[in-house]
Amino acid sequence: MHGWRRKNGRPADQLRPVRIVPGFIRSADGSCLIEMGHTRVVCTASFVQGVPKWRTGGGLGWLTAEYAMLPASTGVRRERRTANPDGRGVEIQRIIGRVLRNVIRFDRLGENTVYLDCDVLEADGGTRVAAISGSYVALALAVAKARSAGLCKPGALSGPVAAASVGLVNGRALLDLDYSEDSIADVDMNVAMTDDGQFVEIQATGERTGFSEAQLRRLLALARGGIRKLQALQRRAIGKRK
């Protein structure tokens, strides 16, 4: 791997080009298309009155998420998972739901449920972090619409949450890995963080080797910088739609 360089000479701490298109699905309560390099994910949020039976009567709302990759999203056709979702997809949708529940105040949401749906159009690394970052935009738009309609109280969201991938590739700490980098990474990590600097999800795996505390700190610092930039883009996208 001597002499290996990132595509287009991208610096270690630079995100791929990011574009967030709010209101991408007109019929959804909230939606966006998020593009991170060649990774493209459509995120929608549906605001539905009522909560699951186990949640009824407490005055609290709920949020759940689903994630799927379209058959041609990776270049080689993937089987559609309808009745039996694959284990990876189930893991990712649980992560999305878990992360987004950290920034929603269920007492102000009332007994309503928000369903997040994340569909990967094209995958080139980082689909789960793109889905998390895009889901917040869709969620914020759906909650704003519901608040305007008097269906929930003000302040149902505490602030933005976004996620970024980082990793060690050829001994270098890198932000926002594409597939060519992720597939050869010695260590990969996905980090989600709220607007006030609180980490809400850290997934780190030594794929080919372990990593030191100093390397962990470097990766977290890279993720933090990338997430701050993503949160600024989230705010801009939401502001355009409101």
C-alpha atoms as a PDB file:
ATOM      1  CA  MET A   1       0.000   0.000   0.000  1.00  0.00           C
ATOM      2  CA  HIS A   2       3.062   2.265  -0.239  1.00  0.00           C
ATOM      3  CA  GLY A   3       2.179   5.498  -2.009  1.00  0.00           C
ATOM      4  CA  TRP A   4      -1.588   5.000  -1.553  1.00  0.00           C
ATOM      5  CA  ARG A   5      -3.614   8.222  -1.770  1.00  0.00           C
ATOM      6  CA  ARG A   6      -7.263   9.118  -1.339  1.00  0.00           C
ATOM      7  CA  LYS A   7      -9.346   9.722  -4.435  1.00  0.00           C
ATOM      8  CA  ASN A   8      -8.899  13.212  -5.862  1.00  0.00           C
ATOM      9  CA  GLY A   9      -6.263  13.898  -3.221  1.00  0.00           C
ATOM     10  CA  ARG A  10      -8.934  14.451  -0.552  1.00  0.00           C
ATOM     11  CA  PRO A  11      -7.366  15.453   2.790  1.00  0.00           C
ATOM     12  CA  ALA A  12      -7.715  13.061   5.727  1.00  0.00           C
ATOM     13  CA  ASP A  13     -10.134  15.391   7.561  1.00  0.00           C
ATOM     14  CA  GLN A  14     -12.370  16.294   4.614  1.00  0.00           C
ATOM     15  CA  LEU A  15     -15.890  15.033   3.971  1.00  0.00           C
ATOM     16  CA  ARG A  16     -16.875  13.921   0.515  1.00  0.00           C
ATOM     17  CA  PRO A  17     -19.125  16.455  -1.260  1.00  0.00           C
ATOM     18  CA  VAL A  18     -22.401  16.535   0.686  1.00  0.00           C
ATOM     19  CA  ARG A  19     -25.781  17.607  -0.654  1.00  0.00           C
ATOM     20  CA  ILE A  20     -29.066  17.542   1.257  1.00  0.00           C
ATOM     21  CA  VAL A  21     -32.279  18.109  -0.691  1.00  0.00           C
ATOM     22  CA  PRO A  22     -35.192  18.731   1.720  1.00  0.00           C
ATOM     23  CA  GLY A  23     -38.733  17.861   0.681  1.00  0.00           C
ATOM     24  CA  PHE A  24     -37.498  15.306  -1.833  1.00  0.00           C
ATOM     25  CA  ILE A  25     -40.671  13.213  -1.463  1.00  0.00           C
ATOM     26  CA  ARG A  26     -43.562  15.645  -1.707  1.00  0.00           C
ATOM     27  CA  SER A  27     -46.163  13.290  -0.221  1.00  0.00           C
ATOM     28  CA  ALA A  28     -44.151  12.609   2.955  1.00  0.00           C
ATOM     29  CA  ASP A  29     -44.581  14.605   6.163  1.00  0.00           C
ATOM     30  CA  GLY A  30     -40.840  15.171   6.090  1.00  0.00           C
ATOM     31  CA  SER A  31     -38.175  13.968   3.684  1.00  0.00           C
ATOM     32  CA  CYS A  32     -34.796  14.550   2.122  1.00  0.00           C
ATOM     33  CA  LEU A  33     -32.290  13.113  -0.275  1.00  0.00           C
ATOM     34  CA  ILE A  34     -28.808  13.057   1.220  1.00  0.00           C
ATOM     35  CA  GLU A  35     -25.749  12.525  -0.944  1.00  0.00           C
ATOM     36  CA  MET A  36     -22.298  11.919   0.484  1.00  0.00           C
ATOM     37  CA  GLY A  37     -20.034  11.387  -2.477  1.00  0.00           C
ATOM     38  CA  HIS A  38     -21.630   8.593  -4.492  1.00  0.00           C
ATOM     39  CA  THR A  39     -23.685   7.359  -1.545  1.00  0.00           C
ATOM     40  CA  ARG A  40     -27.287   8.467  -1.936  1.00  0.00           C
ATOM     41  CA  VAL A  41     -30.074   7.816   0.583  1.00  0.00           C
ATOM     42  CA  VAL A  42     -33.716   8.911   0.614  1.00  0.00           C
ATOM     43  CA  CYS A  43     -35.055   9.505   4.124  1.00  0.00           C
ATOM     44  CA  THR A  44     -38.733  10.050   4.937  1.00  0.00           C
ATOM     45  CA  ALA A  45     -40.563  10.696   8.197  1.00  0.00           C
ATOM     46  CA  SER A  46     -44.241   9.877   8.667  1.00  0.00           C
ATOM     47  CA  PHE A  47     -46.118  11.431  11.605  1.00  0.00           C
ATOM     48  CA  VAL A  48     -48.906   9.084  12.700  1.00  0.00           C
ATOM     49  CA  GLN A  49     -51.347   9.674  15.537  1.00  0.00           C
ATOM     50  CA  GLY A  50     -51.284   6.920  18.142  1.00  0.00           C
ATOM     51  CA  VAL A  51     -48.525   4.781  19.645  1.00  0.00           C
ATOM     52  CA  PRO A  52     -47.863   1.049  20.012  1.00  0.00           C
ATOM     53  CA  LYS A  53     -50.102  -0.703  22.522  1.00  0.00           C
ATOM     54  CA  TRP A  54     -47.351  -1.037  25.096  1.00  0.00           C
ATOM     55  CA  ARG A  55     -46.862   2.761  24.982  1.00  0.00           C
ATOM     56  CA  THR A  56     -50.539   3.738  25.243  1.00  0.00           C
ATOM     57  CA  GLY A  57     -51.816   5.795  28.152  1.00  0.00           C
ATOM     58  CA  GLY A  58     -48.562   7.343  29.313  1.00  0.00           C
ATOM     59  CA  GLY A  59     -48.766  10.519  27.258  1.00  0.00           C
ATOM     60  CA  LEU A  60     -45.496   9.720  25.510  1.00  0.00           C
ATOM     61  CA  GLY A  61     -44.813   9.347  21.806  1.00  0.00           C
ATOM     62  CA  TRP A  62     -42.548   6.922  19.972  1.00  0.00           C
ATOM     63  CA  LEU A  63     -40.136   6.770  17.046  1.00  0.00           C
ATOM     64  CA  THR A  64     -39.052   3.800  14.984  1.00  0.00           C
ATOM     65  CA  ALA A  65     -36.940   3.354  11.860  1.00  0.00           C
ATOM     66  CA  GLU A  66     -36.567   1.055   8.870  1.00  0.00           C
ATOM     67  CA  TYR A  67     -33.598   0.768   6.508  1.00  0.00           C
ATOM     68  CA  ALA A  68     -33.221  -0.980   3.170  1.00  0.00           C
ATOM     69  CA  MET A  69     -30.895  -1.028   0.185  1.00  0.00           C
ATOM     70  CA  LEU A  70     -32.492  -1.003  -3.246  1.00  0.00           C
ATOM     71  CA  PRO A  71     -31.625  -4.017  -5.418  1.00  0.00           C
ATOM     72  CA  ALA A  72     -29.178  -2.140  -7.682  1.00  0.00           C
ATOM     73  CA  SER A  73     -27.682   0.089  -4.961  1.00  0.00           C
ATOM     74  CA  THR A  74     -24.331  -1.735  -4.937  1.00  0.00           C
ATOM     75  CA  GLY A  75     -23.996  -2.430  -8.669  1.00  0.00           C
ATOM     76  CA  VAL A  76     -24.711  -6.144  -8.236  1.00  0.00           C
ATOM     77  CA  ARG A  77     -28.423  -6.818  -7.741  1.00  0.00           C
ATOM     78  CA  ARG A  78     -29.387  -7.464  -4.145  1.00  0.00           C
ATOM     79  CA  GLU A  79     -32.379  -9.611  -3.274  1.00  0.00           C
ATOM     80  CA  ARG A  80     -35.357  -7.661  -1.998  1.00  0.00           C
ATOM     81  CA  ARG A  81     -35.945  -8.364   1.683  1.00  0.00           C
ATOM     82  CA  THR A  82     -39.651  -8.093   2.379  1.00  0.00           C
ATOM     83  CA  ALA A  83     -40.767 -10.827   4.760  1.00  0.00           C
ATOM     84  CA  ASN A  84     -37.278 -11.556   6.150  1.00  0.00           C
ATOM     85  CA  PRO A  85     -35.008  -8.513   6.396  1.00  0.00           C
ATOM     86  CA  ASP A  86     -31.280  -9.247   6.470  1.00  0.00           C
ATOM     87  CA  GLY A  87     -29.378  -9.063   9.748  1.00  0.00           C
ATOM     88  CA  ARG A  88     -27.276  -6.075   8.682  1.00  0.00           C
ATOM     89  CA  GLY A  89     -30.362  -4.070   7.727  1.00  0.00           C
ATOM     90  CA  VAL A  90     -32.054  -4.860  11.056  1.00  0.00           C
ATOM     91  CA  GLU A  91     -28.928  -3.792  12.936  1.00  0.00           C
ATOM     92  CA  ILE A  92     -28.708  -0.497  11.050  1.00  0.00           C
ATOM     93  CA  GLN A  93     -32.372   0.410  11.444  1.00  0.00           C
ATOM     94  CA  ARG A  94     -32.107  -0.213  15.180  1.00  0.00           C
ATOM     95  CA  ILE A  95     -29.114   2.111  15.323  1.00  0.00           C
ATOM     96  CA  ILE A  96     -30.973   4.816  13.380  1.00  0.00           C
ATOM     97  CA  GLY A  97     -33.948   4.598  15.726  1.00  0.00           C
ATOM     98  CA  ARG A  98     -31.763   4.543  18.824  1.00  0.00           C
ATOM     99  CA  VAL A  99     -29.785   7.612  17.730  1.00  0.00           C
ATOM    100  CA  LEU A 100     -32.798   9.704  16.709  1.00  0.00           C
ATOM    101  CA  ARG A 101     -34.661   8.880  19.928  1.00  0.00           C
ATOM    102  CA  ASN A 102     -31.904  10.758  21.771  1.00  0.00           C
ATOM    103  CA  VAL A 103     -33.033  14.112  20.337  1.00  0.00           C
ATOM    104  CA  ILE A 104     -36.791  13.784  20.605  1.00  0.00           C
ATOM    105  CA  ARG A 105     -38.824  14.731  23.688  1.00  0.00           C
ATOM    106  CA  PHE A 106     -41.581  12.176  23.788  1.00  0.00           C
ATOM    107  CA  ASP A 107     -43.620  14.084  26.353  1.00  0.00           C
ATOM    108  CA  ARG A 108     -43.902  16.991  23.896  1.00  0.00           C
ATOM    109  CA  LEU A 109     -44.521  14.691  20.946  1.00  0.00           C
ATOM    110  CA  GLY A 110     -47.637  13.395  22.666  1.00  0.00           C
ATOM    111  CA  GLU A 111     -49.084   9.980  21.906  1.00  0.00           C
ATOM    112  CA  ASN A 112     -47.941  10.043  18.288  1.00  0.00           C
ATOM    113  CA  THR A 113     -45.468   7.895  16.398  1.00  0.00           C
ATOM    114  CA  VAL A 114     -42.845   8.976  13.879  1.00  0.00           C
ATOM    115  CA  TYR A 115     -41.827   6.328  11.351  1.00  0.00           C
ATOM    116  CA  LEU A 116     -38.467   6.897   9.666  1.00  0.00           C
ATOM    117  CA  ASP A 117     -37.780   5.095   6.391  1.00  0.00           C
ATOM    118  CA  CYS A 118     -34.296   5.109   4.889  1.00  0.00           C
ATOM    119  CA  ASP A 119     -33.817   3.694   1.395  1.00  0.00           C
ATOM    120  CA  VAL A 120     -30.343   3.499  -0.094  1.00  0.00           C
ATOM    121  CA  LEU A 121     -30.387   4.391  -3.791  1.00  0.00           C
ATOM    122  CA  GLU A 122     -26.643   4.009  -4.264  1.00  0.00           C
ATOM    123  CA  ALA A 123     -24.026   2.718  -1.836  1.00  0.00           C
ATOM    124  CA  ASP A 124     -20.378   3.764  -1.833  1.00  0.00           C
ATOM    125  CA  GLY A 125     -19.603   3.520   1.867  1.00  0.00           C
ATOM    126  CA  GLY A 126     -21.167   5.236   4.873  1.00  0.00           C
ATOM    127  CA  THR A 127     -24.813   4.416   4.196  1.00  0.00           C
ATOM    128  CA  ARG A 128     -25.726   4.157   7.876  1.00  0.00           C
ATOM    129  CA  VAL A 129     -24.217   7.520   8.822  1.00  0.00           C
ATOM    130  CA  ALA A 130     -25.850   9.147   5.804  1.00  0.00           C
ATOM    131  CA  ALA A 131     -29.169   7.612   6.857  1.00  0.00           C
ATOM    132  CA  ILE A 132     -28.811   8.992  10.388  1.00  0.00           C
ATOM    133  CA  SER A 133     -27.913  12.491   9.195  1.00  0.00           C
ATOM    134  CA  GLY A 134     -30.674  12.531   6.584  1.00  0.00           C
ATOM    135  CA  SER A 135     -33.236  11.114   8.998  1.00  0.00           C
ATOM    136  CA  TYR A 136     -32.815  14.061  11.321  1.00  0.00           C
ATOM    137  CA  VAL A 137     -33.691  16.468   8.511  1.00  0.00           C
ATOM    138  CA  ALA A 138     -36.785  14.433   7.603  1.00  0.00           C
ATOM    139  CA  LEU A 139     -37.755  14.189  11.283  1.00  0.00           C
ATOM    140  CA  ALA A 140     -37.364  17.922  11.888  1.00  0.00           C
ATOM    141  CA  LEU A 141     -39.560  18.749   8.890  1.00  0.00           C
ATOM    142  CA  ALA A 142     -42.246  16.248   9.925  1.00  0.00           C
ATOM    143  CA  VAL A 143     -42.323  17.526  13.509  1.00  0.00           C
ATOM    144  CA  ALA A 144     -42.519  21.148  12.314  1.00  0.00           C
ATOM    145  CA  LYS A 145     -45.482  20.251  10.120  1.00  0.00           C
ATOM    146  CA  ALA A 146     -47.198  18.440  12.996  1.00  0.00           C
ATOM    147  CA  ARG A 147     -46.575  21.349  15.355  1.00  0.00           C
ATOM    148  CA  SER A 148     -48.120  23.768  12.854  1.00  0.00           C
ATOM    149  CA  ALA A 149     -51.172  21.520  12.724  1.00  0.00           C
ATOM    150  CA  GLY A 150     -51.435  21.462  16.521  1.00  0.00           C
ATOM    151  CA  LEU A 151     -50.622  17.759  16.746  1.00  0.00           C
ATOM    152  CA  CYS A 152     -47.663  18.139  19.102  1.00  0.00           C
ATOM    153  CA  LYS A 153     -46.186  20.692  21.487  1.00  0.00           C
ATOM    154  CA  PRO A 154     -43.312  23.060  20.680  1.00  0.00           C
ATOM    155  CA  GLY A 155     -39.849  21.838  21.604  1.00  0.00           C
ATOM    156  CA  ALA A 156     -40.376  18.203  20.608  1.00  0.00           C
ATOM    157  CA  LEU A 157     -36.819  18.136  19.238  1.00  0.00           C
ATOM    158  CA  SER A 158     -33.827  19.064  21.371  1.00  0.00           C
ATOM    159  CA  GLY A 159     -31.466  19.764  18.456  1.00  0.00           C
ATOM    160  CA  PRO A 160     -29.616  18.211  15.532  1.00  0.00           C
ATOM    161  CA  VAL A 161     -27.901  14.846  15.558  1.00  0.00           C
ATOM    162  CA  ALA A 162     -25.596  13.679  12.776  1.00  0.00           C
ATOM    163  CA  ALA A 163     -23.141  10.860  12.169  1.00  0.00           C
ATOM    164  CA  ALA A 164     -19.854  10.319  10.374  1.00  0.00           C
ATOM    165  CA  SER A 165     -17.597   7.391   9.580  1.00  0.00           C
ATOM    166  CA  VAL A 166     -13.884   7.345  10.359  1.00  0.00           C
ATOM    167  CA  GLY A 167     -11.208   4.705  10.099  1.00  0.00           C
ATOM    168  CA  LEU A 168      -7.570   3.722   9.961  1.00  0.00           C
ATOM    169  CA  VAL A 169      -6.430   2.962   6.432  1.00  0.00           C
ATOM    170  CA  ASN A 170      -2.791   2.189   5.711  1.00  0.00           C
ATOM    171  CA  GLY A 171      -1.905   3.630   9.107  1.00  0.00           C
ATOM    172  CA  ARG A 172      -3.737   6.918   8.500  1.00  0.00           C
ATOM    173  CA  ALA A 173      -6.803   8.196  10.339  1.00  0.00           C
ATOM    174  CA  LEU A 174      -9.417   9.219   7.748  1.00  0.00           C
ATOM    175  CA  LEU A 175     -12.821  10.904   7.840  1.00  0.00           C
ATOM    176  CA  ASP A 176     -15.827   9.768   5.780  1.00  0.00           C
ATOM    177  CA  LEU A 177     -14.602   6.566   4.152  1.00  0.00           C
ATOM    178  CA  ASP A 178     -15.889   5.591   0.725  1.00  0.00           C
ATOM    179  CA  TYR A 179     -16.190   1.909  -0.186  1.00  0.00           C
ATOM    180  CA  SER A 180     -12.670   1.628  -1.597  1.00  0.00           C
ATOM    181  CA  GLU A 181     -11.310   2.827   1.757  1.00  0.00           C
ATOM    182  CA  ASP A 182     -13.762   1.014   4.003  1.00  0.00           C
ATOM    183  CA  SER A 183     -13.076  -2.319   2.293  1.00  0.00           C
ATOM    184  CA  ILE A 184      -9.365  -2.164   3.192  1.00  0.00           C
ATOM    185  CA  ALA A 185      -9.604  -0.358   6.542  1.00  0.00           C
ATOM    186  CA  ASP A 186      -7.682  -1.806   9.463  1.00  0.00           C
ATOM    187  CA  VAL A 187     -10.153  -0.123  11.823  1.00  0.00           C
ATOM    188  CA  ASP A 188     -13.542   1.365  11.043  1.00  0.00           C
ATOM    189  CA  MET A 189     -15.794   3.413  13.272  1.00  0.00           C
ATOM    190  CA  ASN A 190     -19.188   5.090  13.056  1.00  0.00           C
ATOM    191  CA  VAL A 191     -19.909   7.992  15.393  1.00  0.00           C
ATOM    192  CA  ALA A 192     -23.142   9.881  16.097  1.00  0.00           C
ATOM    193  CA  MET A 193     -23.155  13.112  18.078  1.00  0.00           C
ATOM    194  CA  THR A 194     -25.728  15.670  19.170  1.00  0.00           C
ATOM    195  CA  ASP A 195     -25.506  19.422  18.686  1.00  0.00           C
ATOM    196  CA  ASP A 196     -24.249  19.947  22.252  1.00  0.00           C
ATOM    197  CA  GLY A 197     -21.287  17.642  21.702  1.00  0.00           C
ATOM    198  CA  GLN A 198     -22.678  14.500  23.330  1.00  0.00           C
ATOM    199  CA  PHE A 199     -21.796  11.194  21.709  1.00  0.00           C
ATOM    200  CA  VAL A 200     -24.857   8.949  21.383  1.00  0.00           C
ATOM    201  CA  GLU A 201     -23.414   6.086  19.316  1.00  0.00           C
ATOM    202  CA  ILE A 202     -19.863   4.859  18.808  1.00  0.00           C
ATOM    203  CA  GLN A 203     -19.230   1.655  16.875  1.00  0.00           C
ATOM    204  CA  ALA A 204     -15.563   0.753  16.505  1.00  0.00           C
ATOM    205  CA  THR A 205     -14.133  -2.459  15.097  1.00  0.00           C
ATOM    206  CA  GLY A 206     -10.576  -3.582  14.546  1.00  0.00           C
ATOM    207  CA  GLU A 207     -11.029  -5.364  11.220  1.00  0.00           C
ATOM    208  CA  ARG A 208      -7.371  -6.346  10.755  1.00  0.00           C
ATOM    209  CA  THR A 209      -5.631  -4.988  13.834  1.00  0.00           C
ATOM    210  CA  GLY A 210      -6.259  -3.403  17.201  1.00  0.00           C
ATOM    211  CA  PHE A 211      -5.937   0.308  17.882  1.00  0.00           C
ATOM    212  CA  SER A 212      -4.460   2.424  20.639  1.00  0.00           C
ATOM    213  CA  GLU A 213      -6.131   4.964  22.896  1.00  0.00           C
ATOM    214  CA  ALA A 214      -4.256   7.705  21.042  1.00  0.00           C
ATOM    215  CA  GLN A 215      -5.640   6.450  17.716  1.00  0.00           C
ATOM    216  CA  LEU A 216      -9.135   6.289  19.212  1.00  0.00           C
ATOM    217  CA  ARG A 217      -8.866   9.908  20.318  1.00  0.00           C
ATOM    218  CA  ARG A 218      -7.697  10.937  16.844  1.00  0.00           C
ATOM    219  CA  LEU A 219     -10.611   9.141  15.211  1.00  0.00           C
ATOM    220  CA  LEU A 220     -13.126  10.742  17.583  1.00  0.00           C
ATOM    221  CA  ALA A 221     -11.660  14.187  16.896  1.00  0.00           C
ATOM    222  CA  LEU A 222     -11.971  13.605  13.143  1.00  0.00           C
ATOM    223  CA  ALA A 223     -15.567  12.426  13.547  1.00  0.00           C
ATOM    224  CA  ARG A 224     -16.444  15.439  15.699  1.00  0.00           C
ATOM    225  CA  GLY A 225     -15.139  17.870  13.062  1.00  0.00           C
ATOM    226  CA  GLY A 226     -17.062  16.147  10.284  1.00  0.00           C
ATOM    227  CA  ILE A 227     -20.260  15.970  12.303  1.00  0.00           C
ATOM    228  CA  ARG A 228     -20.131  19.697  13.063  1.00  0.00           C
ATOM    229  CA  LYS A 229     -20.028  20.387   9.324  1.00  0.00           C
ATOM    230  CA  LEU A 230     -22.919  18.003   8.693  1.00  0.00           C
ATOM    231  CA  GLN A 231     -25.015  19.679  11.386  1.00  0.00           C
ATOM    232  CA  ALA A 232     -24.496  23.040   9.703  1.00  0.00           C
ATOM    233  CA  LEU A 233     -25.711  21.522   6.431  1.00  0.00           C
ATOM    234  CA  GLN A 234     -28.717  20.014   8.228  1.00  0.00           C
ATOM    235  CA  ARG A 235     -29.729  23.397   9.609  1.00  0.00           C
ATOM    236  CA  ARG A 236     -29.372  25.002   6.201  1.00  0.00           C
ATOM    237  CA  ALA A 237     -31.534  22.314   4.559  1.00  0.00           C
ATOM    238  CA  ILE A 238     -34.249  22.581   7.211  1.00  0.00           C
ATOM    239  CA  GLY A 239     -34.224  26.383   6.987  1.00  0.00           C
ATOM    240  CA  LYS A 240     -34.742  26.238   3.235  1.00  0.00           C
ATOM    241  CA  ARG A 241     -37.845  24.100   3.619  1.00  0.00           C
ATOM    242  CA  LYS A 242     -39.533  25.899   6.507  1.00  0.00           C
END
